[in-house]
Amino acid sequence: MYLSESKFLRMLTLCGLYVAQGVPWGFVTVTFAAWLATPEHGLTTEQLGPILAVASLPWSFKFVWGPLMDRFTIPSMGRRRPWILFAQGMAIVVLGSMLLIDDLPGMVWTKSPADGVFFSTFYKLVPGPLAGMILLANIFISMQDVAVDALAVDLLDEKERGIANGLMYGCSYLGTAIGGAGLGYLVARYGIRAGLLGQAVLLFVIMLLPLFLRERRRSADSGNLTSENTEQQSIDFGENPFRPPANIDGHDEGSYDSIHVDSTASVTGNLLRAFSLRATLLGAFVAIGVKVGIGVLTVVFVDYLLKGGGWSQEDYTSVTGGYAVFLGLGGSVLGGFLADRLGSKRVIVTTSVLLGALWICFGLFPSLLESKSLVKGLLMGQEFLLSVLSVSLFSLFMTISWPRVAATQFTSYMALMNLSTTIGSYTAGRLSLSYSISQLLIIAGILQVVMVAPVLLIDPQQTRRVLGDS
């Protein structure tokens, strides 16, 4: 069966692979973080921060995979399938190997095992083998994400892309809910091994989709090539199976298409031109700062609630990995609608101000944190506002991206947003030593408002007006 010939199979595969991206993220940032923060394991905020940071760190640099995937493939298997199967398979191996470890909390170092600037710096980034495994797994998951996006670009008709993007983004939330609330329930009832096993099984089942469904018919199979061209294509594949698909004359929609690839120098030059404008530079500034606050608070909340707030692990995972995620799913749909109707700039500023006000309110009145119901409302409310904000930012970044290098430029904005979360997670431990949770809420709220203020100065039409549409 070929994905290019069935809309249902295209949507099923793309959505399934996005669920596969969400499951490990929900498991690490919600279920695993809550398990490590429980009193019997006793990891501190300073230790949890880097562990959550390394989960998002590879996503900050995922743009490096695009040129590699465009340049190399195994044509006999398809253009994107080899990368998807490799990346997801390796993620399963890394995450599944945790089942072999008896003392997972013991794999978090409490101090640098060696002296020297290099080792002390490395320790601050990756504090122990457990963080290293999570980092490695997310490198492969981010690689799978880039390959899946490339597969969508290759296969989706223009009229399918809107609904497909909405479904794919929603399925990532569904995966997060499964990894957070679903696997969180397993861990709370049957232990961490049950959660790790459940995660590996889920990812393997989803991997069956790209394993058994091919992208499109090979040109030789479609009957559009002469025997001479077919023979030459076979010889070329045998000599270099990792080269990009060859330019093939006489192809149709069911065969591998000819692909024009700009030179590296050309892409780099155009990207520098794209980022030379005020609108695009301000967009980059907003992207790198807009999620620092939530990066800090995610780490602080899991430690505070499970140790001082009277929350159980099941309480935390059911809210942050369940109810909040489904509110986020609804917010992402609403955010796209509002951005189209009201304008992305207006929605971005409004949601950021509301989010900042929500955090500042809880910070100014610490007694509110003593109510479990109010804290649940805070966690769900911030997730809803963050999802509306994120989708509105996507819309703005697409608009200010130059079409000639839109894929690379837009991916750069996404990477900077992930880097923003990573910065917050890394700094959470140090900030928690100097400030209380109420003070951190106020700081995060003020930062949220300040970091989106430059959006008001962005001219969304500047890029196309100055550089053109092509």
Foldseek 3Di string as FASTA:
>chain_A
DACLVDVVLLLLLLLLLLLLLQQLLLQQLAQVLLVCLFVVNPDDLLQSLLLNLLLLQLLLVLLVLVVVLQFWDQPVQHSLLVLLLVLLVVLLVLLLCVLVDDDLSVQFAPAQPDDDPVSRVVCLNQRGDNSVSSNSSSNSSSSNVSSSVVLCVLRDDPVCVVVSVLSNVLSSLVSSLCNQQVLSVVCVVPNDSSSSVVSSVSSVVSSVSSVPYGHADAQVVVPQDDPVVVVVQVVVCVVPSTGHDDDDPRGDSRHDHDDDDDDPVVLVVVLVVLCPDPQLVLLLLLLQAQCLLVLLLSSVVSNCCNPPQPDHSNRRSCLLSPLLSVLLSVLLVVLLVCCVVPNLLVLLLVLLLVLLVLLLVCLVPVVLSNDPVSVSVNSSSNSSSVSSNVNSSLVLQQLSAAVVNSVSSSSNSSSSNSNNSSNNSSCNSVVVVPDPSSVSSNVSSVSNNVSSVCSVVRDSNVSCVPPNRD
